[in-house]
Amino acid sequence: MARTVDELRNAIRTEVGRFEREVSTTFTKEDLAAICEAVGYEIDASGQLPATAVMRAGILHRIGELETDDPAQADRPFRKAELEAILAALAEN
């Protein structure tokens, strides 16, 4: 049986050491920062975290889903296929 988007998000959260959510919600900036670290996309976290689109684009670029880390290409929540690709990339590491 295929996983839902919420189940995929929670599986990714678990893989990067974050807490599962009981309600449906997109990733927080902290969740995205943890995913960035897990896939090897460096962000400057010394001050405020970058915009969510920047982190989403970086994640997708590192796992091969985008050719560049241009935030304009990731200005929306992850799609189901992208979540599946992220989870697969995390499982490989």
PDB file of N, CA and C in Angstrom:
ATOM      1  N   MET A   1       0.838  -1.177   0.000  1.00  0.00           N
ATOM      2  CA  MET A   1       0.000   0.000   0.000  1.00  0.00           C
ATOM      3  C   MET A   1       0.884   1.243   0.000  1.00  0.00           C
ATOM      4  N   ALA A   2       0.573   2.186  -0.842  1.00  0.00           N
ATOM      5  CA  ALA A   2       1.368   3.410  -0.965  1.00  0.00           C
ATOM      6  C   ALA A   2       1.191   4.294   0.268  1.00  0.00           C
ATOM      7  N   ARG A   3       2.268   4.963   0.622  1.00  0.00           N
ATOM      8  CA  ARG A   3       2.223   5.883   1.758  1.00  0.00           C
ATOM      9  C   ARG A   3       1.572   7.195   1.344  1.00  0.00           C
ATOM     10  N   THR A   4       0.896   7.819   2.302  1.00  0.00           N
ATOM     11  CA  THR A   4       0.323   9.134   2.050  1.00  0.00           C
ATOM     12  C   THR A   4       1.426  10.190   2.190  1.00  0.00           C
ATOM     13  N   VAL A   5       1.127  11.394   1.762  1.00  0.00           N
ATOM     14  CA  VAL A   5       2.083  12.500   1.894  1.00  0.00           C
ATOM     15  C   VAL A   5       2.420  12.724   3.371  1.00  0.00           C
ATOM     16  N   ASP A   6       1.417  12.665   4.236  1.00  0.00           N
ATOM     17  CA  ASP A   6       1.668  12.847   5.676  1.00  0.00           C
ATOM     18  C   ASP A   6       2.578  11.759   6.228  1.00  0.00           C
ATOM     19  N   GLU A   7       2.365  10.520   5.800  1.00  0.00           N
ATOM     20  CA  GLU A   7       3.215   9.418   6.255  1.00  0.00           C
ATOM     21  C   GLU A   7       4.642   9.597   5.747  1.00  0.00           C
ATOM     22  N   LEU A   8       4.784  10.053   4.513  1.00  0.00           N
ATOM     23  CA  LEU A   8       6.125  10.305   3.966  1.00  0.00           C
ATOM     24  C   LEU A   8       6.830  11.404   4.742  1.00  0.00           C
ATOM     25  N   ARG A   9       6.116  12.507   5.020  1.00  0.00           N
ATOM     26  CA  ARG A   9       6.722  13.595   5.799  1.00  0.00           C
ATOM     27  C   ARG A   9       7.182  13.092   7.167  1.00  0.00           C
ATOM     28  N   ASN A  10       6.342  12.310   7.830  1.00  0.00           N
ATOM     29  CA  ASN A  10       6.713  11.802   9.149  1.00  0.00           C
ATOM     30  C   ASN A  10       7.883  10.823   9.073  1.00  0.00           C
ATOM     31  N   ALA A  11       7.927  10.015   8.028  1.00  0.00           N
ATOM     32  CA  ALA A  11       9.060   9.093   7.861  1.00  0.00           C
ATOM     33  C   ALA A  11      10.356   9.888   7.667  1.00  0.00           C
ATOM     34  N   ILE A  12      10.283  10.965   6.900  1.00  0.00           N
ATOM     35  CA  ILE A  12      11.463  11.812   6.695  1.00  0.00           C
ATOM     36  C   ILE A  12      11.856  12.477   8.011  1.00  0.00           C
ATOM     37  N   ARG A  13      10.882  13.002   8.734  1.00  0.00           N
ATOM     38  CA  ARG A  13      11.182  13.610  10.034  1.00  0.00           C
ATOM     39  C   ARG A  13      11.905  12.615  10.941  1.00  0.00           C
ATOM     40  N   THR A  14      11.422  11.405  10.987  1.00  0.00           N
ATOM     41  CA  THR A  14      12.040  10.370  11.827  1.00  0.00           C
ATOM     42  C   THR A  14      13.465  10.094  11.379  1.00  0.00           C
ATOM     43  N   GLU A  15      13.689  10.015  10.065  1.00  0.00           N
ATOM     44  CA  GLU A  15      15.032   9.738   9.522  1.00  0.00           C
ATOM     45  C   GLU A  15      16.056  10.804   9.917  1.00  0.00           C
ATOM     46  N   VAL A  16      15.607  12.042  10.066  1.00  0.00           N
ATOM     47  CA  VAL A  16      16.543  13.125  10.389  1.00  0.00           C
ATOM     48  C   VAL A  16      16.504  13.514  11.867  1.00  0.00           C
ATOM     49  N   GLY A  17      15.850  12.695  12.685  1.00  0.00           N
ATOM     50  CA  GLY A  17      15.861  12.921  14.123  1.00  0.00           C
ATOM     51  C   GLY A  17      14.864  13.942  14.632  1.00  0.00           C
ATOM     52  N   ARG A  18      13.851  14.227  13.858  1.00  0.00           N
ATOM     53  CA  ARG A  18      12.814  15.161  14.286  1.00  0.00           C
ATOM     54  C   ARG A  18      11.611  14.359  14.764  1.00  0.00           C
ATOM     55  N   PHE A  19      10.639  15.044  15.336  1.00  0.00           N
ATOM     56  CA  PHE A  19       9.456  14.386  15.866  1.00  0.00           C
ATOM     57  C   PHE A  19       8.358  14.277  14.822  1.00  0.00           C
ATOM     58  N   GLU A  20       7.647  13.164  14.854  1.00  0.00           N
ATOM     59  CA  GLU A  20       6.500  12.994  13.978  1.00  0.00           C
ATOM     60  C   GLU A  20       5.405  13.966  14.403  1.00  0.00           C
ATOM     61  N   ARG A  21       4.570  14.338  13.467  1.00  0.00           N
ATOM     62  CA  ARG A  21       3.433  15.223  13.740  1.00  0.00           C
ATOM     63  C   ARG A  21       2.159  14.406  13.675  1.00  0.00           C
ATOM     64  N   GLU A  22       1.247  14.671  14.601  1.00  0.00           N
ATOM     65  CA  GLU A  22      -0.029  13.958  14.602  1.00  0.00           C
ATOM     66  C   GLU A  22      -1.004  14.550  13.598  1.00  0.00           C
ATOM     67  N   VAL A  23      -0.826  15.837  13.306  1.00  0.00           N
ATOM     68  CA  VAL A  23      -1.703  16.497  12.347  1.00  0.00           C
ATOM     69  C   VAL A  23      -0.933  16.752  11.052  1.00  0.00           C
ATOM     70  N   SER A  24      -1.651  16.895   9.976  1.00  0.00           N
ATOM     71  CA  SER A  24      -1.032  17.142   8.680  1.00  0.00           C
ATOM     72  C   SER A  24      -0.428  18.542   8.656  1.00  0.00           C
ATOM     73  N   THR A  25       0.853  18.615   8.384  1.00  0.00           N
ATOM     74  CA  THR A  25       1.515  19.911   8.291  1.00  0.00           C
ATOM     75  C   THR A  25       2.762  19.788   7.426  1.00  0.00           C
ATOM     76  N   THR A  26       3.089  20.873   6.736  1.00  0.00           N
ATOM     77  CA  THR A  26       4.304  20.877   5.943  1.00  0.00           C
ATOM     78  C   THR A  26       5.503  20.960   6.880  1.00  0.00           C
ATOM     79  N   PHE A  27       6.695  20.871   6.305  1.00  0.00           N
ATOM     80  CA  PHE A  27       7.901  20.927   7.110  1.00  0.00           C
ATOM     81  C   PHE A  27       8.127  22.327   7.664  1.00  0.00           C
ATOM     82  N   THR A  28       8.578  22.394   8.908  1.00  0.00           N
ATOM     83  CA  THR A  28       8.983  23.666   9.490  1.00  0.00           C
ATOM     84  C   THR A  28      10.379  24.008   8.981  1.00  0.00           C
ATOM     85  N   LYS A  29      10.823  25.226   9.235  1.00  0.00           N
ATOM     86  CA  LYS A  29      12.181  25.598   8.841  1.00  0.00           C
ATOM     87  C   LYS A  29      13.206  24.701   9.542  1.00  0.00           C
ATOM     88  N   GLU A  30      12.930  24.348  10.785  1.00  0.00           N
ATOM     89  CA  GLU A  30      13.840  23.473  11.525  1.00  0.00           C
ATOM     90  C   GLU A  30      13.883  22.081  10.918  1.00  0.00           C
ATOM     91  N   ASP A  31      12.722  21.576  10.473  1.00  0.00           N
ATOM     92  CA  ASP A  31      12.680  20.284   9.783  1.00  0.00           C
ATOM     93  C   ASP A  31      13.519  20.351   8.510  1.00  0.00           C
ATOM     94  N   LEU A  32      13.314  21.412   7.726  1.00  0.00           N
ATOM     95  CA  LEU A  32      14.055  21.564   6.475  1.00  0.00           C
ATOM     96  C   LEU A  32      15.555  21.675   6.731  1.00  0.00           C
ATOM     97  N   ALA A  33      15.947  22.385   7.783  1.00  0.00           N
ATOM     98  CA  ALA A  33      17.369  22.508   8.113  1.00  0.00           C
ATOM     99  C   ALA A  33      17.959  21.141   8.460  1.00  0.00           C
ATOM    100  N   ALA A  34      17.204  20.313   9.176  1.00  0.00           N
ATOM    101  CA  ALA A  34      17.671  18.964   9.521  1.00  0.00           C
ATOM    102  C   ALA A  34      17.802  18.103   8.263  1.00  0.00           C
ATOM    103  N   ILE A  35      16.870  18.248   7.329  1.00  0.00           N
ATOM    104  CA  ILE A  35      16.951  17.494   6.076  1.00  0.00           C
ATOM    105  C   ILE A  35      18.152  17.970   5.268  1.00  0.00           C
ATOM    106  N   CYS A  36      18.359  19.299   5.218  1.00  0.00           N
ATOM    107  CA  CYS A  36      19.533  19.845   4.516  1.00  0.00           C
ATOM    108  C   CYS A  36      20.811  19.210   5.052  1.00  0.00           C
ATOM    109  N   GLU A  37      20.933  19.158   6.350  1.00  0.00           N
ATOM    110  CA  GLU A  37      22.124  18.566   6.963  1.00  0.00           C
ATOM    111  C   GLU A  37      22.256  17.093   6.590  1.00  0.00           C
ATOM    112  N   ALA A  38      21.153  16.380   6.610  1.00  0.00           N
ATOM    113  CA  ALA A  38      21.181  14.942   6.327  1.00  0.00           C
ATOM    114  C   ALA A  38      21.577  14.631   4.881  1.00  0.00           C
ATOM    115  N   VAL A  39      21.203  15.504   3.943  1.00  0.00           N
ATOM    116  CA  VAL A  39      21.540  15.250   2.536  1.00  0.00           C
ATOM    117  C   VAL A  39      22.825  15.956   2.119  1.00  0.00           C
ATOM    118  N   GLY A  40      23.434  16.705   3.043  1.00  0.00           N
ATOM    119  CA  GLY A  40      24.705  17.351   2.748  1.00  0.00           C
ATOM    120  C   GLY A  40      24.605  18.702   2.071  1.00  0.00           C
ATOM    121  N   TYR A  41      23.483  19.368   2.216  1.00  0.00           N
ATOM    122  CA  TYR A  41      23.346  20.722   1.666  1.00  0.00           C
ATOM    123  C   TYR A  41      23.647  21.711   2.777  1.00  0.00           C
ATOM    124  N   GLU A  42      24.735  22.443   2.629  1.00  0.00           N
ATOM    125  CA  GLU A  42      25.173  23.357   3.679  1.00  0.00           C
ATOM    126  C   GLU A  42      24.379  24.652   3.643  1.00  0.00           C
ATOM    127  N   ILE A  43      23.902  25.030   4.827  1.00  0.00           N
ATOM    128  CA  ILE A  43      23.228  26.311   4.992  1.00  0.00           C
ATOM    129  C   ILE A  43      23.936  27.060   6.110  1.00  0.00           C
ATOM    130  N   ASP A  44      23.864  28.376   6.067  1.00  0.00           N
ATOM    131  CA  ASP A  44      24.442  29.192   7.120  1.00  0.00           C
ATOM    132  C   ASP A  44      23.391  29.345   8.211  1.00  0.00           C
ATOM    133  N   ALA A  45      23.535  28.571   9.265  1.00  0.00           N
ATOM    134  CA  ALA A  45      22.564  28.599  10.351  1.00  0.00           C
ATOM    135  C   ALA A  45      23.064  29.424  11.528  1.00  0.00           C
ATOM    136  N   SER A  46      24.080  30.271  11.307  1.00  0.00           N
ATOM    137  CA  SER A  46      24.618  31.069  12.407  1.00  0.00           C
ATOM    138  C   SER A  46      23.645  32.162  12.834  1.00  0.00           C
ATOM    139  N   GLY A  47      22.839  32.625  11.910  1.00  0.00           N
ATOM    140  CA  GLY A  47      21.818  33.626  12.219  1.00  0.00           C
ATOM    141  C   GLY A  47      20.463  32.987  12.064  1.00  0.00           C
ATOM    142  N   GLN A  48      19.637  33.631  11.276  1.00  0.00           N
ATOM    143  CA  GLN A  48      18.331  33.056  10.983  1.00  0.00           C
ATOM    144  C   GLN A  48      18.466  32.010   9.890  1.00  0.00           C
ATOM    145  N   LEU A  49      17.560  31.053   9.915  1.00  0.00           N
ATOM    146  CA  LEU A  49      17.555  30.041   8.867  1.00  0.00           C
ATOM    147  C   LEU A  49      17.131  30.681   7.542  1.00  0.00           C
ATOM    148  N   PRO A  50      17.640  30.173   6.421  1.00  0.00           N
ATOM    149  CA  PRO A  50      17.241  30.714   5.112  1.00  0.00           C
ATOM    150  C   PRO A  50      15.750  30.499   4.863  1.00  0.00           C
ATOM    151  N   ALA A  51      15.265  31.123   3.820  1.00  0.00           N
ATOM    152  CA  ALA A  51      13.869  30.943   3.429  1.00  0.00           C
ATOM    153  C   ALA A  51      13.602  29.478   3.100  1.00  0.00           C
ATOM    154  N   THR A  52      12.367  29.058   3.281  1.00  0.00           N
ATOM    155  CA  THR A  52      12.015  27.660   3.024  1.00  0.00           C
ATOM    156  C   THR A  52      12.286  27.273   1.577  1.00  0.00           C
ATOM    157  N   ALA A  53      12.019  28.170   0.635  1.00  0.00           N
ATOM    158  CA  ALA A  53      12.259  27.855  -0.783  1.00  0.00           C
ATOM    159  C   ALA A  53      13.733  27.587  -1.046  1.00  0.00           C
ATOM    160  N   VAL A  54      14.607  28.312  -0.369  1.00  0.00           N
ATOM    161  CA  VAL A  54      16.054  28.104  -0.522  1.00  0.00           C
ATOM    162  C   VAL A  54      16.430  26.706  -0.041  1.00  0.00           C
ATOM    163  N   MET A  55      15.920  26.321   1.123  1.00  0.00           N
ATOM    164  CA  MET A  55      16.254  25.004   1.667  1.00  0.00           C
ATOM    165  C   MET A  55      15.623  23.887   0.840  1.00  0.00           C
ATOM    166  N   ARG A  56      14.373  24.062   0.414  1.00  0.00           N
ATOM    167  CA  ARG A  56      13.734  23.033  -0.433  1.00  0.00           C
ATOM    168  C   ARG A  56      14.511  22.840  -1.729  1.00  0.00           C
ATOM    169  N   ALA A  57      14.902  23.951  -2.367  1.00  0.00           N
ATOM    170  CA  ALA A  57      15.663  23.855  -3.622  1.00  0.00           C
ATOM    171  C   ALA A  57      17.007  23.172  -3.387  1.00  0.00           C
ATOM    172  N   GLY A  58      17.662  23.494  -2.295  1.00  0.00           N
ATOM    173  CA  GLY A  58      18.947  22.871  -1.986  1.00  0.00           C
ATOM    174  C   GLY A  58      18.824  21.374  -1.773  1.00  0.00           C
ATOM    175  N   ILE A  59      17.789  20.978  -1.067  1.00  0.00           N
ATOM    176  CA  ILE A  59      17.543  19.550  -0.827  1.00  0.00           C
ATOM    177  C   ILE A  59      17.302  18.828  -2.154  1.00  0.00           C
ATOM    178  N   LEU A  60      16.417  19.384  -2.961  1.00  0.00           N
ATOM    179  CA  LEU A  60      16.094  18.749  -4.242  1.00  0.00           C
ATOM    180  C   LEU A  60      17.302  18.711  -5.171  1.00  0.00           C
ATOM    181  N   HIS A  61      18.130  19.732  -5.118  1.00  0.00           N
ATOM    182  CA  HIS A  61      19.347  19.743  -5.937  1.00  0.00           C
ATOM    183  C   HIS A  61      20.322  18.655  -5.480  1.00  0.00           C
ATOM    184  N   ARG A  62      20.523  18.524  -4.164  1.00  0.00           N
ATOM    185  CA  ARG A  62      21.465  17.538  -3.624  1.00  0.00           C
ATOM    186  C   ARG A  62      21.046  16.109  -3.932  1.00  0.00           C
ATOM    187  N   ILE A  63      19.737  15.855  -4.020  1.00  0.00           N
ATOM    188  CA  ILE A  63      19.304  14.471  -4.294  1.00  0.00           C
ATOM    189  C   ILE A  63      19.053  14.233  -5.776  1.00  0.00           C
ATOM    190  N   GLY A  64      19.358  15.236  -6.607  1.00  0.00           N
ATOM    191  CA  GLY A  64      19.262  15.054  -8.044  1.00  0.00           C
ATOM    192  C   GLY A  64      17.904  15.317  -8.663  1.00  0.00           C
ATOM    193  N   GLU A  65      16.995  15.922  -7.936  1.00  0.00           N
ATOM    194  CA  GLU A  65      15.670  16.213  -8.481  1.00  0.00           C
ATOM    195  C   GLU A  65      15.613  17.550  -9.217  1.00  0.00           C
ATOM    196  N   LEU A  66      16.564  18.440  -8.947  1.00  0.00           N
ATOM    197  CA  LEU A  66      16.671  19.719  -9.659  1.00  0.00           C
ATOM    198  C   LEU A  66      18.093  19.872 -10.166  1.00  0.00           C
ATOM    199  N   GLU A  67      18.237  20.549 -11.297  1.00  0.00           N
ATOM    200  CA  GLU A  67      19.574  20.769 -11.857  1.00  0.00           C
ATOM    201  C   GLU A  67      20.355  21.828 -11.093  1.00  0.00           C
ATOM    202  N   THR A  68      19.655  22.811 -10.506  1.00  0.00           N
ATOM    203  CA  THR A  68      20.301  23.866  -9.724  1.00  0.00           C
ATOM    204  C   THR A  68      19.570  24.014  -8.404  1.00  0.00           C
ATOM    205  N   ASP A  69      20.132  24.839  -7.520  1.00  0.00           N
ATOM    206  CA  ASP A  69      19.452  25.086  -6.247  1.00  0.00           C
ATOM    207  C   ASP A  69      18.729  26.441  -6.262  1.00  0.00           C
ATOM    208  N   ASP A  70      18.131  26.751  -7.404  1.00  0.00           N
ATOM    209  CA  ASP A  70      17.387  27.993  -7.589  1.00  0.00           C
ATOM    210  C   ASP A  70      16.075  27.934  -6.801  1.00  0.00           C
ATOM    211  N   PRO A  71      15.908  28.810  -5.796  1.00  0.00           N
ATOM    212  CA  PRO A  71      14.696  28.774  -4.975  1.00  0.00           C
ATOM    213  C   PRO A  71      13.402  29.023  -5.752  1.00  0.00           C
ATOM    214  N   ALA A  72      13.497  29.670  -6.912  1.00  0.00           N
ATOM    215  CA  ALA A  72      12.298  29.911  -7.713  1.00  0.00           C
ATOM    216  C   ALA A  72      11.680  28.596  -8.201  1.00  0.00           C
ATOM    217  N   GLN A  73      12.482  27.545  -8.246  1.00  0.00           N
ATOM    218  CA  GLN A  73      11.980  26.238  -8.684  1.00  0.00           C
ATOM    219  C   GLN A  73      11.367  25.435  -7.543  1.00  0.00           C
ATOM    220  N   ALA A  74      11.451  25.954  -6.322  1.00  0.00           N
ATOM    221  CA  ALA A  74      10.934  25.211  -5.165  1.00  0.00           C
ATOM    222  C   ALA A  74      10.150  26.132  -4.229  1.00  0.00           C
ATOM    223  N   ASP A  75       9.316  26.980  -4.805  1.00  0.00           N
ATOM    224  CA  ASP A  75       8.558  27.938  -4.002  1.00  0.00           C
ATOM    225  C   ASP A  75       7.193  27.397  -3.568  1.00  0.00           C
ATOM    226  N   ARG A  76       7.125  26.088  -3.410  1.00  0.00           N
ATOM    227  CA  ARG A  76       5.896  25.412  -2.997  1.00  0.00           C
ATOM    228  C   ARG A  76       6.291  24.203  -2.155  1.00  0.00           C
ATOM    229  N   PRO A  77       5.361  23.650  -1.377  1.00  0.00           N
ATOM    230  CA  PRO A  77       5.702  22.441  -0.611  1.00  0.00           C
ATOM    231  C   PRO A  77       6.118  21.299  -1.531  1.00  0.00           C
ATOM    232  N   PHE A  78       6.865  20.352  -0.965  1.00  0.00           N
ATOM    233  CA  PHE A  78       7.294  19.188  -1.740  1.00  0.00           C
ATOM    234  C   PHE A  78       6.094  18.405  -2.247  1.00  0.00           C
ATOM    235  N   ARG A  79       6.215  17.890  -3.443  1.00  0.00           N
ATOM    236  CA  ARG A  79       5.202  16.995  -4.006  1.00  0.00           C
ATOM    237  C   ARG A  79       5.492  15.572  -3.537  1.00  0.00           C
ATOM    238  N   LYS A  80       4.517  14.704  -3.693  1.00  0.00           N
ATOM    239  CA  LYS A  80       4.649  13.333  -3.209  1.00  0.00           C
ATOM    240  C   LYS A  80       5.871  12.629  -3.803  1.00  0.00           C
ATOM    241  N   ALA A  81       6.087  12.745  -5.094  1.00  0.00           N
ATOM    242  CA  ALA A  81       7.239  12.097  -5.739  1.00  0.00           C
ATOM    243  C   ALA A  81       8.552  12.646  -5.173  1.00  0.00           C
ATOM    244  N   GLU A  82       8.579  13.924  -4.867  1.00  0.00           N
ATOM    245  CA  GLU A  82       9.784  14.520  -4.274  1.00  0.00           C
ATOM    246  C   GLU A  82      10.016  13.989  -2.864  1.00  0.00           C
ATOM    247  N   LEU A  83       8.940  13.847  -2.097  1.00  0.00           N
ATOM    248  CA  LEU A  83       9.064  13.281  -0.753  1.00  0.00           C
ATOM    249  C   LEU A  83       9.590  11.845  -0.819  1.00  0.00           C
ATOM    250  N   GLU A  84       9.100  11.082  -1.778  1.00  0.00           N
ATOM    251  CA  GLU A  84       9.575   9.705  -1.953  1.00  0.00           C
ATOM    252  C   GLU A  84      11.068   9.700  -2.307  1.00  0.00           C
ATOM    253  N   ALA A  85      11.494  10.636  -3.163  1.00  0.00           N
ATOM    254  CA  ALA A  85      12.909  10.722  -3.553  1.00  0.00           C
ATOM    255  C   ALA A  85      13.776  11.134  -2.355  1.00  0.00           C
ATOM    256  N   ILE A  86      13.275  12.049  -1.539  1.00  0.00           N
ATOM    257  CA  ILE A  86      14.019  12.471  -0.349  1.00  0.00           C
ATOM    258  C   ILE A  86      14.180  11.288   0.604  1.00  0.00           C
ATOM    259  N   LEU A  87      13.100  10.577   0.848  1.00  0.00           N
ATOM    260  CA  LEU A  87      13.152   9.431   1.754  1.00  0.00           C
ATOM    261  C   LEU A  87      14.109   8.361   1.237  1.00  0.00           C
ATOM    262  N   ALA A  88      14.090   8.121  -0.068  1.00  0.00           N
ATOM    263  CA  ALA A  88      15.020   7.140  -0.659  1.00  0.00           C
ATOM    264  C   ALA A  88      16.465   7.596  -0.493  1.00  0.00           C
ATOM    265  N   ALA A  89      16.721   8.888  -0.691  1.00  0.00           N
ATOM    266  CA  ALA A  89      18.082   9.413  -0.543  1.00  0.00           C
ATOM    267  C   ALA A  89      18.547   9.302   0.905  1.00  0.00           C
ATOM    268  N   LEU A  90      17.657   9.553   1.843  1.00  0.00           N
ATOM    269  CA  LEU A  90      18.006   9.434   3.263  1.00  0.00           C
ATOM    270  C   LEU A  90      18.299   7.985   3.636  1.00  0.00           C
ATOM    271  N   ALA A  91      17.532   7.073   3.065  1.00  0.00           N
ATOM    272  CA  ALA A  91      17.735   5.652   3.347  1.00  0.00           C
ATOM    273  C   ALA A  91      19.083   5.165   2.825  1.00  0.00           C
ATOM    274  N   GLU A  92      19.561   5.782   1.722  1.00  0.00           N
ATOM    275  CA  GLU A  92      20.861   5.406   1.157  1.00  0.00           C
ATOM    276  C   GLU A  92      22.014   5.869   2.030  1.00  0.00           C
ATOM    277  N   ASN A  93      21.809   6.976   2.736  1.00  0.00           N
ATOM    278  CA  ASN A  93      22.892   7.521   3.578  1.00  0.00           C
ATOM    279  C   ASN A  93      22.971   6.784   4.832  1.00  0.00           C
TER     280      ASN A  93
END
